C-alpha atoms as a PDB file:
ATOM      1  CA  UNK A   1      53.764 153.660 -17.661  1.00  0.00           C
ATOM      2  CA  UNK A   2      53.770 151.679 -20.911  1.00  0.00           C
ATOM      3  CA  UNK A   3      53.303 152.822 -24.489  1.00  0.00           C
ATOM      4  CA  UNK A   4      50.627 150.679 -26.123  1.00  0.00           C
ATOM      5  CA  UNK A   5      49.446 150.694 -29.731  1.00  0.00           C
ATOM      6  CA  UNK A   6      46.143 149.030 -30.645  1.00  0.00           C
ATOM      7  CA  UNK A   7      46.311 147.871 -34.277  1.00  0.00           C
ATOM      8  CA  UNK A   8      42.911 148.117 -35.933  1.00  0.00           C
ATOM      9  CA  UNK A   9      40.250 150.794 -35.495  1.00  0.00           C
ATOM     10  CA  UNK A  10      37.190 148.600 -35.842  1.00  0.00           C
ATOM     11  CA  UNK A  11      34.655 148.295 -33.037  1.00  0.00           C
ATOM     12  CA  UNK A  12      36.741 145.831 -31.012  1.00  0.00           C
ATOM     13  CA  UNK A  13      40.016 147.699 -31.433  1.00  0.00           C
ATOM     14  CA  UNK A  14      38.376 150.990 -30.503  1.00  0.00           C
ATOM     15  CA  UNK A  15      36.727 149.432 -27.440  1.00  0.00           C
ATOM     16  CA  UNK A  16      40.043 148.011 -26.235  1.00  0.00           C
ATOM     17  CA  UNK A  17      41.748 151.380 -26.720  1.00  0.00           C
ATOM     18  CA  UNK A  18      38.978 153.133 -24.772  1.00  0.00           C
ATOM     19  CA  UNK A  19      39.228 150.575 -21.976  1.00  0.00           C
ATOM     20  CA  UNK A  20      43.004 150.972 -21.722  1.00  0.00           C
ATOM     21  CA  UNK A  21      42.727 154.758 -21.782  1.00  0.00           C
ATOM     22  CA  UNK A  22      40.104 154.660 -19.027  1.00  0.00           C
ATOM     23  CA  UNK A  23      42.517 152.653 -16.902  1.00  0.00           C
ATOM     24  CA  UNK A  24      45.003 155.561 -16.894  1.00  0.00           C
ATOM     25  CA  UNK A  25      48.767 155.282 -16.526  1.00  0.00           C
ATOM     26  CA  UNK A  26      49.595 154.362 -20.137  1.00  0.00           C
ATOM     27  CA  UNK A  27      50.159 156.177 -23.412  1.00  0.00           C
ATOM     28  CA  UNK A  28      47.581 154.684 -25.761  1.00  0.00           C
ATOM     29  CA  UNK A  29      47.457 154.998 -29.558  1.00  0.00           C
ATOM     30  CA  UNK A  30      44.747 153.613 -31.838  1.00  0.00           C
ATOM     31  CA  UNK A  31      46.155 152.763 -35.273  1.00  0.00           C
ATOM     32  CA  UNK A  32      43.838 152.962 -38.277  1.00  0.00           C
ATOM     33  CA  UNK A  33      44.624 151.308 -41.603  1.00  0.00           C
ATOM     34  CA  UNK A  34      45.054 154.662 -43.366  1.00  0.00           C
ATOM     35  CA  UNK A  35      45.673 158.321 -42.507  1.00  0.00           C
ATOM     36  CA  UNK A  36      42.260 159.109 -43.996  1.00  0.00           C
ATOM     37  CA  UNK A  37      40.492 156.661 -41.671  1.00  0.00           C
ATOM     38  CA  UNK A  38      42.365 158.107 -38.698  1.00  0.00           C
ATOM     39  CA  UNK A  39      41.457 161.650 -39.719  1.00  0.00           C
ATOM     40  CA  UNK A  40      37.766 160.747 -39.941  1.00  0.00           C
ATOM     41  CA  UNK A  41      37.834 159.546 -36.335  1.00  0.00           C
ATOM     42  CA  UNK A  42      39.758 162.599 -35.167  1.00  0.00           C
ATOM     43  CA  UNK A  43      37.446 165.052 -36.920  1.00  0.00           C
ATOM     44  CA  UNK A  44      34.278 163.323 -35.681  1.00  0.00           C
ATOM     45  CA  UNK A  45      35.631 162.916 -32.154  1.00  0.00           C
ATOM     46  CA  UNK A  46      34.333 159.340 -32.234  1.00  0.00           C
ATOM     47  CA  UNK A  47      34.511 156.198 -34.364  1.00  0.00           C
ATOM     48  CA  UNK A  48      31.260 157.006 -36.129  1.00  0.00           C
ATOM     49  CA  UNK A  49      31.532 154.060 -38.537  1.00  0.00           C
ATOM     50  CA  UNK A  50      32.251 151.180 -36.154  1.00  0.00           C
ATOM     51  CA  UNK A  51      31.540 152.349 -32.599  1.00  0.00           C
ATOM     52  CA  UNK A  52      29.400 155.505 -32.619  1.00  0.00           C
ATOM     53  CA  UNK A  53      28.421 157.287 -29.444  1.00  0.00           C
ATOM     54  CA  UNK A  54      31.749 157.016 -27.633  1.00  0.00           C
ATOM     55  CA  UNK A  55      33.897 160.132 -27.549  1.00  0.00           C
ATOM     56  CA  UNK A  56      37.598 159.689 -28.180  1.00  0.00           C
ATOM     57  CA  UNK A  57      39.353 161.110 -25.078  1.00  0.00           C
ATOM     58  CA  UNK A  58      41.918 163.863 -25.570  1.00  0.00           C
ATOM     59  CA  UNK A  59      44.705 161.607 -24.300  1.00  0.00           C
ATOM     60  CA  UNK A  60      43.974 158.796 -26.746  1.00  0.00           C
ATOM     61  CA  UNK A  61      45.997 159.315 -29.920  1.00  0.00           C
ATOM     62  CA  UNK A  62      44.533 158.168 -33.244  1.00  0.00           C
ATOM     63  CA  UNK A  63      46.964 157.668 -36.117  1.00  0.00           C
ATOM     64  CA  UNK A  64      47.352 156.091 -39.523  1.00  0.00           C
ATOM     65  CA  UNK A  65      51.144 156.298 -39.416  1.00  0.00           C
ATOM     66  CA  UNK A  66      52.849 152.887 -39.380  1.00  0.00           C
ATOM     67  CA  UNK A  67      55.878 154.416 -37.678  1.00  0.00           C
ATOM     68  CA  UNK A  68      53.768 154.853 -34.510  1.00  0.00           C
ATOM     69  CA  UNK A  69      54.147 151.119 -33.909  1.00  0.00           C
ATOM     70  CA  UNK A  70      57.872 151.570 -33.378  1.00  0.00           C
ATOM     71  CA  UNK A  71      57.267 153.664 -30.250  1.00  0.00           C
ATOM     72  CA  UNK A  72      55.192 150.968 -28.539  1.00  0.00           C
ATOM     73  CA  UNK A  73      56.305 148.517 -25.897  1.00  0.00           C
ATOM     74  CA  UNK A  74      53.081 146.519 -26.263  1.00  0.00           C
ATOM     75  CA  UNK A  75      51.221 146.032 -29.556  1.00  0.00           C
ATOM     76  CA  UNK A  76      47.629 144.765 -29.368  1.00  0.00           C
ATOM     77  CA  UNK A  77      46.608 143.378 -32.759  1.00  0.00           C
ATOM     78  CA  UNK A  78      42.890 143.553 -33.549  1.00  0.00           C
ATOM     79  CA  UNK A  79      43.195 143.399 -37.345  1.00  0.00           C
ATOM     80  CA  UNK A  80      40.618 141.118 -39.070  1.00  0.00           C
ATOM     81  CA  UNK A  81      42.163 137.784 -40.034  1.00  0.00           C
ATOM     82  CA  UNK A  82      41.908 138.356 -43.797  1.00  0.00           C
ATOM     83  CA  UNK A  83      43.929 141.604 -43.555  1.00  0.00           C
ATOM     84  CA  UNK A  84      46.472 140.556 -40.939  1.00  0.00           C
ATOM     85  CA  UNK A  85      49.275 139.476 -43.288  1.00  0.00           C
ATOM     86  CA  UNK A  86      49.119 142.600 -45.409  1.00  0.00           C
ATOM     87  CA  UNK A  87      49.022 144.794 -42.307  1.00  0.00           C
ATOM     88  CA  UNK A  88      52.039 143.055 -40.806  1.00  0.00           C
ATOM     89  CA  UNK A  89      53.907 143.576 -44.057  1.00  0.00           C
ATOM     90  CA  UNK A  90      53.371 147.320 -43.645  1.00  0.00           C
ATOM     91  CA  UNK A  91      54.317 147.623 -39.978  1.00  0.00           C
ATOM     92  CA  UNK A  92      57.078 144.990 -39.776  1.00  0.00           C
ATOM     93  CA  UNK A  93      59.886 147.468 -40.610  1.00  0.00           C
ATOM     94  CA  UNK A  94      58.956 149.425 -37.471  1.00  0.00           C
ATOM     95  CA  UNK A  95      58.836 146.487 -35.049  1.00  0.00           C
ATOM     96  CA  UNK A  96      61.933 145.714 -33.009  1.00  0.00           C
ATOM     97  CA  UNK A  97      63.273 143.442 -30.250  1.00  0.00           C
ATOM     98  CA  UNK A  98      61.873 144.102 -26.800  1.00  0.00           C
ATOM     99  CA  UNK A  99      58.276 144.549 -27.942  1.00  0.00           C
ATOM    100  CA  UNK A 100      55.424 142.225 -26.946  1.00  0.00           C
ATOM    101  CA  UNK A 101      52.477 141.449 -29.216  1.00  0.00           C
ATOM    102  CA  UNK A 102      48.999 140.506 -27.997  1.00  0.00           C
ATOM    103  CA  UNK A 103      46.584 139.118 -30.597  1.00  0.00           C
ATOM    104  CA  UNK A 104      42.930 139.909 -29.910  1.00  0.00           C
ATOM    105  CA  UNK A 105      41.591 138.761 -33.294  1.00  0.00           C
ATOM    106  CA  UNK A 106      39.300 135.713 -33.105  1.00  0.00           C
ATOM    107  CA  UNK A 107      39.917 133.856 -36.336  1.00  0.00           C
ATOM    108  CA  UNK A 108      41.812 131.169 -38.239  1.00  0.00           C
ATOM    109  CA  UNK A 109      43.527 132.094 -41.498  1.00  0.00           C
ATOM    110  CA  UNK A 110      41.913 130.654 -44.594  1.00  0.00           C
ATOM    111  CA  UNK A 111      44.015 128.169 -46.600  1.00  0.00           C
ATOM    112  CA  UNK A 112      46.980 128.112 -44.211  1.00  0.00           C
ATOM    113  CA  UNK A 113      44.747 127.163 -41.223  1.00  0.00           C
ATOM    114  CA  UNK A 114      47.091 129.108 -38.959  1.00  0.00           C
ATOM    115  CA  UNK A 115      46.019 130.764 -35.727  1.00  0.00           C
ATOM    116  CA  UNK A 116      46.534 134.514 -35.555  1.00  0.00           C
ATOM    117  CA  UNK A 117      49.581 134.269 -33.284  1.00  0.00           C
ATOM    118  CA  UNK A 118      51.121 131.822 -35.779  1.00  0.00           C
ATOM    119  CA  UNK A 119      50.462 134.210 -38.658  1.00  0.00           C
ATOM    120  CA  UNK A 120      52.120 137.030 -36.700  1.00  0.00           C
ATOM    121  CA  UNK A 121      55.146 134.910 -35.769  1.00  0.00           C
ATOM    122  CA  UNK A 122      55.557 133.663 -39.340  1.00  0.00           C
ATOM    123  CA  UNK A 123      55.406 137.169 -40.799  1.00  0.00           C
ATOM    124  CA  UNK A 124      57.905 138.523 -38.270  1.00  0.00           C
ATOM    125  CA  UNK A 125      60.287 135.614 -38.895  1.00  0.00           C
ATOM    126  CA  UNK A 126      60.452 136.558 -42.574  1.00  0.00           C
ATOM    127  CA  UNK A 127      62.105 139.756 -41.417  1.00  0.00           C
ATOM    128  CA  UNK A 128      64.379 137.930 -39.002  1.00  0.00           C
ATOM    129  CA  UNK A 129      62.437 139.103 -35.943  1.00  0.00           C
ATOM    130  CA  UNK A 130      61.224 136.943 -33.053  1.00  0.00           C
ATOM    131  CA  UNK A 131      58.897 138.541 -30.487  1.00  0.00           C
ATOM    132  CA  UNK A 132      56.664 137.097 -27.747  1.00  0.00           C
ATOM    133  CA  UNK A 133      53.158 136.715 -29.192  1.00  0.00           C
ATOM    134  CA  UNK A 134      50.168 135.945 -26.991  1.00  0.00           C
ATOM    135  CA  UNK A 135      46.384 135.759 -27.271  1.00  0.00           C
ATOM    136  CA  UNK A 136      43.584 137.722 -25.622  1.00  0.00           C
ATOM    137  CA  UNK A 137      40.112 136.181 -25.827  1.00  0.00           C
ATOM    138  CA  UNK A 138      36.905 135.654 -23.908  1.00  0.00           C
ATOM    139  CA  UNK A 139      33.240 136.716 -23.665  1.00  0.00           C
ATOM    140  CA  UNK A 140      33.495 140.368 -24.628  1.00  0.00           C
ATOM    141  CA  UNK A 141      31.187 142.416 -26.820  1.00  0.00           C
ATOM    142  CA  UNK A 142      32.913 145.607 -27.983  1.00  0.00           C
ATOM    143  CA  UNK A 143      29.949 147.805 -27.052  1.00  0.00           C
ATOM    144  CA  UNK A 144      29.913 146.644 -23.435  1.00  0.00           C
ATOM    145  CA  UNK A 145      33.689 146.940 -23.064  1.00  0.00           C
ATOM    146  CA  UNK A 146      33.450 150.497 -24.405  1.00  0.00           C
ATOM    147  CA  UNK A 147      30.684 151.209 -21.902  1.00  0.00           C
ATOM    148  CA  UNK A 148      32.949 150.062 -19.093  1.00  0.00           C
ATOM    149  CA  UNK A 149      30.802 147.107 -18.103  1.00  0.00           C
ATOM    150  CA  UNK A 150      32.721 144.481 -16.049  1.00  0.00           C
ATOM    151  CA  UNK A 151      34.303 141.971 -18.438  1.00  0.00           C
ATOM    152  CA  UNK A 152      36.586 138.978 -17.862  1.00  0.00           C
ATOM    153  CA  UNK A 153      38.829 137.419 -20.519  1.00  0.00           C
ATOM    154  CA  UNK A 154      41.811 135.082 -20.760  1.00  0.00           C
ATOM    155  CA  UNK A 155      45.326 136.214 -21.673  1.00  0.00           C
ATOM    156  CA  UNK A 156      47.693 133.484 -22.852  1.00  0.00           C
ATOM    157  CA  UNK A 157      51.451 133.447 -23.449  1.00  0.00           C
ATOM    158  CA  UNK A 158      53.688 130.397 -23.527  1.00  0.00           C
ATOM    159  CA  UNK A 159      55.884 132.228 -21.006  1.00  0.00           C
ATOM    160  CA  UNK A 160      53.901 132.603 -17.773  1.00  0.00           C
ATOM    161  CA  UNK A 161      56.056 135.535 -16.657  1.00  0.00           C
ATOM    162  CA  UNK A 162      55.148 137.535 -19.768  1.00  0.00           C
ATOM    163  CA  UNK A 163      51.479 136.672 -19.270  1.00  0.00           C
ATOM    164  CA  UNK A 164      51.670 137.971 -15.699  1.00  0.00           C
ATOM    165  CA  UNK A 165      53.340 141.189 -16.846  1.00  0.00           C
ATOM    166  CA  UNK A 166      50.737 141.921 -19.522  1.00  0.00           C
ATOM    167  CA  UNK A 167      47.962 140.984 -17.095  1.00  0.00           C
ATOM    168  CA  UNK A 168      49.196 143.715 -14.758  1.00  0.00           C
ATOM    169  CA  UNK A 169      49.492 146.220 -17.611  1.00  0.00           C
ATOM    170  CA  UNK A 170      46.000 145.702 -19.085  1.00  0.00           C
ATOM    171  CA  UNK A 171      43.807 144.856 -16.078  1.00  0.00           C
ATOM    172  CA  UNK A 172      41.470 147.481 -14.638  1.00  0.00           C
ATOM    173  CA  UNK A 173      38.373 147.720 -12.488  1.00  0.00           C
ATOM    174  CA  UNK A 174      36.257 146.982 -15.573  1.00  0.00           C
ATOM    175  CA  UNK A 175      38.526 144.505 -17.392  1.00  0.00           C
ATOM    176  CA  UNK A 176      39.697 141.413 -15.505  1.00  0.00           C
ATOM    177  CA  UNK A 177      42.328 139.190 -17.135  1.00  0.00           C
ATOM    178  CA  UNK A 178      43.041 135.575 -16.183  1.00  0.00           C
ATOM    179  CA  UNK A 179      46.385 134.207 -17.363  1.00  0.00           C
ATOM    180  CA  UNK A 180      47.108 130.961 -19.170  1.00  0.00           C
ATOM    181  CA  UNK A 181      50.004 129.313 -20.980  1.00  0.00           C
ATOM    182  CA  UNK A 182      47.626 127.559 -23.403  1.00  0.00           C
ATOM    183  CA  UNK A 183      47.807 129.887 -26.403  1.00  0.00           C
ATOM    184  CA  UNK A 184      46.384 127.218 -28.706  1.00  0.00           C
ATOM    185  CA  UNK A 185      43.283 126.637 -26.602  1.00  0.00           C
ATOM    186  CA  UNK A 186      42.585 130.313 -26.032  1.00  0.00           C
ATOM    187  CA  UNK A 187      42.886 131.160 -29.725  1.00  0.00           C
ATOM    188  CA  UNK A 188      40.928 128.207 -31.082  1.00  0.00           C
ATOM    189  CA  UNK A 189      38.185 128.584 -28.490  1.00  0.00           C
ATOM    190  CA  UNK A 190      37.705 132.215 -29.485  1.00  0.00           C
ATOM    191  CA  UNK A 191      37.808 131.501 -33.206  1.00  0.00           C
ATOM    192  CA  UNK A 192      35.757 128.321 -33.487  1.00  0.00           C
ATOM    193  CA  UNK A 193      32.873 129.493 -31.294  1.00  0.00           C
ATOM    194  CA  UNK A 194      31.994 131.968 -34.076  1.00  0.00           C
ATOM    195  CA  UNK A 195      31.060 129.045 -36.318  1.00  0.00           C
ATOM    196  CA  UNK A 196      28.729 127.628 -33.675  1.00  0.00           C
ATOM    197  CA  UNK A 197      27.268 131.111 -33.154  1.00  0.00           C
ATOM    198  CA  UNK A 198      26.275 131.176 -36.822  1.00  0.00           C
ATOM    199  CA  UNK A 199      24.585 127.802 -36.304  1.00  0.00           C
ATOM    200  CA  UNK A 200      22.748 129.117 -33.234  1.00  0.00           C
ATOM    201  CA  UNK A 201      21.585 132.076 -35.287  1.00  0.00           C
ATOM    202  CA  UNK A 202      20.363 129.778 -38.052  1.00  0.00           C
ATOM    203  CA  UNK A 203      18.355 127.792 -35.504  1.00  0.00           C
ATOM    204  CA  UNK A 204      16.780 130.974 -34.168  1.00  0.00           C
ATOM    205  CA  UNK A 205      16.117 132.249 -37.684  1.00  0.00           C
ATOM    206  CA  UNK A 206      14.103 129.173 -38.671  1.00  0.00           C
ATOM    207  CA  UNK A 207      12.088 129.482 -35.456  1.00  0.00           C
ATOM    208  CA  UNK A 208      13.620 126.789 -33.260  1.00  0.00           C
ATOM    209  CA  UNK A 209      13.542 127.167 -29.486  1.00  0.00           C
ATOM    210  CA  UNK A 210      15.649 126.779 -26.372  1.00  0.00           C
ATOM    211  CA  UNK A 211      16.046 123.005 -26.648  1.00  0.00           C
ATOM    212  CA  UNK A 212      17.713 123.362 -30.025  1.00  0.00           C
ATOM    213  CA  UNK A 213      19.936 126.229 -28.884  1.00  0.00           C
ATOM    214  CA  UNK A 214      21.133 124.261 -25.866  1.00  0.00           C
ATOM    215  CA  UNK A 215      21.855 121.208 -28.007  1.00  0.00           C
ATOM    216  CA  UNK A 216      23.816 123.253 -30.534  1.00  0.00           C
ATOM    217  CA  UNK A 217      25.924 124.959 -27.882  1.00  0.00           C
ATOM    218  CA  UNK A 218      26.670 121.728 -26.046  1.00  0.00           C
ATOM    219  CA  UNK A 219      27.552 119.732 -29.131  1.00  0.00           C
ATOM    220  CA  UNK A 220      29.338 122.790 -30.483  1.00  0.00           C
ATOM    221  CA  UNK A 221      31.746 122.943 -27.553  1.00  0.00           C
ATOM    222  CA  UNK A 222      32.304 119.206 -28.056  1.00  0.00           C
ATOM    223  CA  UNK A 223      33.402 119.882 -31.663  1.00  0.00           C
ATOM    224  CA  UNK A 224      35.612 122.771 -30.594  1.00  0.00           C
ATOM    225  CA  UNK A 225      37.231 120.727 -27.840  1.00  0.00           C
ATOM    226  CA  UNK A 226      37.934 117.781 -30.162  1.00  0.00           C
ATOM    227  CA  UNK A 227      39.670 119.926 -32.737  1.00  0.00           C
ATOM    228  CA  UNK A 228      41.512 122.148 -30.257  1.00  0.00           C
ATOM    229  CA  UNK A 229      42.700 119.080 -28.369  1.00  0.00           C
ATOM    230  CA  UNK A 230      44.029 117.526 -31.562  1.00  0.00           C
ATOM    231  CA  UNK A 231      45.985 120.748 -32.134  1.00  0.00           C
ATOM    232  CA  UNK A 232      47.536 120.589 -28.665  1.00  0.00           C
ATOM    233  CA  UNK A 233      45.119 122.602 -26.514  1.00  0.00           C
ATOM    234  CA  UNK A 234      44.144 121.645 -22.974  1.00  0.00           C
ATOM    235  CA  UNK A 235      40.539 120.584 -22.376  1.00  0.00           C
ATOM    236  CA  UNK A 236      40.193 122.782 -19.296  1.00  0.00           C
ATOM    237  CA  UNK A 237      40.898 125.863 -21.401  1.00  0.00           C
ATOM    238  CA  UNK A 238      37.825 125.144 -23.506  1.00  0.00           C
ATOM    239  CA  UNK A 239      35.761 124.874 -20.320  1.00  0.00           C
ATOM    240  CA  UNK A 240      36.830 128.411 -19.361  1.00  0.00           C
ATOM    241  CA  UNK A 241      36.246 131.995 -20.447  1.00  0.00           C
ATOM    242  CA  UNK A 242      37.772 131.636 -23.910  1.00  0.00           C
ATOM    243  CA  UNK A 243      35.792 128.454 -24.582  1.00  0.00           C
ATOM    244  CA  UNK A 244      32.377 127.921 -22.999  1.00  0.00           C
ATOM    245  CA  UNK A 245      32.209 131.510 -21.762  1.00  0.00           C
ATOM    246  CA  UNK A 246      32.687 133.060 -25.180  1.00  0.00           C
ATOM    247  CA  UNK A 247      30.518 130.419 -26.841  1.00  0.00           C
ATOM    248  CA  UNK A 248      27.516 131.138 -24.603  1.00  0.00           C
ATOM    249  CA  UNK A 249      27.824 134.895 -25.116  1.00  0.00           C
ATOM    250  CA  UNK A 250      28.180 134.724 -28.881  1.00  0.00           C
ATOM    251  CA  UNK A 251      25.434 132.138 -29.362  1.00  0.00           C
ATOM    252  CA  UNK A 252      22.851 133.983 -27.250  1.00  0.00           C
ATOM    253  CA  UNK A 253      23.711 137.687 -27.345  1.00  0.00           C
ATOM    254  CA  UNK A 254      21.879 139.991 -29.734  1.00  0.00           C
ATOM    255  CA  UNK A 255      25.113 141.992 -30.242  1.00  0.00           C
ATOM    256  CA  UNK A 256      26.816 138.993 -31.878  1.00  0.00           C
ATOM    257  CA  UNK A 257      27.465 139.635 -35.572  1.00  0.00           C
ATOM    258  CA  UNK A 258      28.003 135.920 -36.214  1.00  0.00           C
ATOM    259  CA  UNK A 259      24.686 135.018 -34.625  1.00  0.00           C
ATOM    260  CA  UNK A 260      23.035 137.802 -36.626  1.00  0.00           C
ATOM    261  CA  UNK A 261      24.433 136.395 -39.888  1.00  0.00           C
ATOM    262  CA  UNK A 262      23.086 132.957 -39.017  1.00  0.00           C
ATOM    263  CA  UNK A 263      19.714 134.342 -38.012  1.00  0.00           C
ATOM    264  CA  UNK A 264      19.293 136.131 -41.326  1.00  0.00           C
ATOM    265  CA  UNK A 265      20.369 132.991 -43.207  1.00  0.00           C
ATOM    266  CA  UNK A 266      17.750 131.038 -41.277  1.00  0.00           C
ATOM    267  CA  UNK A 267      15.140 133.576 -42.353  1.00  0.00           C
ATOM    268  CA  UNK A 268      16.060 133.012 -45.991  1.00  0.00           C
ATOM    269  CA  UNK A 269      18.519 135.834 -46.562  1.00  0.00           C
ATOM    270  CA  UNK A 270      21.398 135.693 -49.029  1.00  0.00           C
ATOM    271  CA  UNK A 271      24.892 135.691 -47.563  1.00  0.00           C
ATOM    272  CA  UNK A 272      26.282 138.493 -49.756  1.00  0.00           C
ATOM    273  CA  UNK A 273      23.386 140.791 -48.873  1.00  0.00           C
ATOM    274  CA  UNK A 274      23.645 139.938 -45.169  1.00  0.00           C
ATOM    275  CA  UNK A 275      27.368 140.707 -45.061  1.00  0.00           C
ATOM    276  CA  UNK A 276      26.837 143.952 -46.976  1.00  0.00           C
ATOM    277  CA  UNK A 277      24.268 144.917 -44.361  1.00  0.00           C
ATOM    278  CA  UNK A 278      26.908 144.765 -41.625  1.00  0.00           C
ATOM    279  CA  UNK A 279      28.217 148.123 -42.818  1.00  0.00           C
ATOM    280  CA  UNK A 280      31.851 147.102 -43.065  1.00  0.00           C
ATOM    281  CA  UNK A 281      31.921 145.193 -39.789  1.00  0.00           C
ATOM    282  CA  UNK A 282      33.363 141.677 -39.866  1.00  0.00           C
ATOM    283  CA  UNK A 283      31.702 138.380 -38.963  1.00  0.00           C
ATOM    284  CA  UNK A 284      34.846 136.270 -38.555  1.00  0.00           C
ATOM    285  CA  UNK A 285      32.896 133.021 -38.382  1.00  0.00           C
ATOM    286  CA  UNK A 286      32.117 133.115 -42.105  1.00  0.00           C
ATOM    287  CA  UNK A 287      35.790 132.738 -43.054  1.00  0.00           C
ATOM    288  CA  UNK A 288      36.624 130.624 -40.010  1.00  0.00           C
ATOM    289  CA  UNK A 289      34.094 127.948 -41.005  1.00  0.00           C
ATOM    290  CA  UNK A 290      36.075 126.982 -44.083  1.00  0.00           C
ATOM    291  CA  UNK A 291      39.408 127.214 -42.261  1.00  0.00           C
ATOM    292  CA  UNK A 292      38.115 125.163 -39.334  1.00  0.00           C
ATOM    293  CA  UNK A 293      37.064 122.335 -41.634  1.00  0.00           C
ATOM    294  CA  UNK A 294      40.416 122.397 -43.374  1.00  0.00           C
ATOM    295  CA  UNK A 295      42.122 122.136 -40.011  1.00  0.00           C
ATOM    296  CA  UNK A 296      39.737 119.368 -38.934  1.00  0.00           C
ATOM    297  CA  UNK A 297      40.421 117.307 -42.058  1.00  0.00           C
ATOM    298  CA  UNK A 298      44.135 117.764 -41.513  1.00  0.00           C
ATOM    299  CA  UNK A 299      43.786 116.203 -38.054  1.00  0.00           C
ATOM    300  CA  UNK A 300      41.066 113.691 -38.940  1.00  0.00           C
ATOM    301  CA  UNK A 301      38.476 115.296 -36.640  1.00  0.00           C
ATOM    302  CA  UNK A 302      34.726 115.038 -37.197  1.00  0.00           C
ATOM    303  CA  UNK A 303      32.835 118.361 -37.018  1.00  0.00           C
ATOM    304  CA  UNK A 304      29.247 117.794 -38.206  1.00  0.00           C
ATOM    305  CA  UNK A 305      27.829 121.181 -37.185  1.00  0.00           C
ATOM    306  CA  UNK A 306      30.695 123.004 -38.863  1.00  0.00           C
ATOM    307  CA  UNK A 307      30.272 120.875 -41.988  1.00  0.00           C
ATOM    308  CA  UNK A 308      26.615 121.860 -42.271  1.00  0.00           C
ATOM    309  CA  UNK A 309      27.479 125.524 -41.758  1.00  0.00           C
ATOM    310  CA  UNK A 310      29.944 125.337 -44.634  1.00  0.00           C
ATOM    311  CA  UNK A 311      27.248 123.857 -46.862  1.00  0.00           C
ATOM    312  CA  UNK A 312      24.861 126.673 -45.920  1.00  0.00           C
ATOM    313  CA  UNK A 313      27.479 129.420 -46.339  1.00  0.00           C
ATOM    314  CA  UNK A 314      29.293 128.185 -49.446  1.00  0.00           C
ATOM    315  CA  UNK A 315      26.684 126.147 -51.288  1.00  0.00           C
ATOM    316  CA  UNK A 316      23.425 127.741 -50.230  1.00  0.00           C
ATOM    317  CA  UNK A 317      22.038 124.627 -48.575  1.00  0.00           C
ATOM    318  CA  UNK A 318      18.590 125.090 -47.074  1.00  0.00           C
ATOM    319  CA  UNK A 319      19.025 125.621 -43.300  1.00  0.00           C
ATOM    320  CA  UNK A 320      16.084 123.375 -42.440  1.00  0.00           C
ATOM    321  CA  UNK A 321      17.602 120.557 -44.485  1.00  0.00           C
ATOM    322  CA  UNK A 322      20.934 121.075 -42.707  1.00  0.00           C
ATOM    323  CA  UNK A 323      19.242 120.824 -39.308  1.00  0.00           C
ATOM    324  CA  UNK A 324      17.385 117.703 -40.392  1.00  0.00           C
ATOM    325  CA  UNK A 325      20.628 116.092 -41.572  1.00  0.00           C
ATOM    326  CA  UNK A 326      22.253 116.830 -38.221  1.00  0.00           C
ATOM    327  CA  UNK A 327      19.355 115.244 -36.342  1.00  0.00           C
ATOM    328  CA  UNK A 328      19.305 112.135 -38.553  1.00  0.00           C
ATOM    329  CA  UNK A 329      22.999 111.272 -38.164  1.00  0.00           C
ATOM    330  CA  UNK A 330      23.626 107.711 -36.889  1.00  0.00           C
ATOM    331  CA  UNK A 331      23.319 107.371 -33.118  1.00  0.00           C
ATOM    332  CA  UNK A 332      26.475 107.387 -31.017  1.00  0.00           C
ATOM    333  CA  UNK A 333      27.722 107.519 -27.432  1.00  0.00           C
ATOM    334  CA  UNK A 334      27.923 111.072 -26.048  1.00  0.00           C
ATOM    335  CA  UNK A 335      31.585 110.848 -25.097  1.00  0.00           C
END
């Protein structure tokens, strides 16, 4: 039996906690950002704000106490990228040698352009602590994981032995984990596909069809692979669950918040109003777009779809004009 704390009581964090509790054999705690948020979940018997309709089992502890992290052997971080540093600053005093951290947040930090595992490692190092930090990513909508629908994802640690151990701890009959040592590829695949999902939503919002969606996804994975490869990822990782698999799901599934944001932009909506309409839920691709371009410029990588998404998101460019500019780029060889 392992003691596991899931950091972050959003939809994805709650779904992971429910999945781990369903597996049996572990002590699971779901950590909310405040005692008040934890109490709301406890009193309602469900996460009414982010994942309504799923009862919190009696054996699943919900807490807002940072000290709870100190009891864990495994910490699964599902904190949105923009709040990760501040959260780590709060819990760092309770972390200690011997713990293992799994990052399940799909994002790239704005301005620093760091992956989530790099942010975690950097924050821990400031306190003189070094822990194994891995990544958990793949095609996985929170709702379906909470429902117990069969889901497969990739779990990456630089140390294959640690990856194998965590694989054994988290796998169940509804959650299948494949291991990898390519942390970079797994993280960037999961983060960058959100940008392409916004683009796919934009295309749908302006009324484009299957041809356009297929083109965007195919050229989108080409952009992701170029940038991830320049950062040290392996190409085969981007052809797997955390790359193509997650991209297809997020670009086509109606449960995708990033696709929904793009779709509303394509219909003429304003970004601030669209984000407010998410009810506190996060569309990581909005922040990741800017960070991805910063990372791409750092490595001298061309990302035309991402560039147009930044213009739509940050400068209010007309989506139809952005699509036209993509189509009228000079011709080139596919590879």
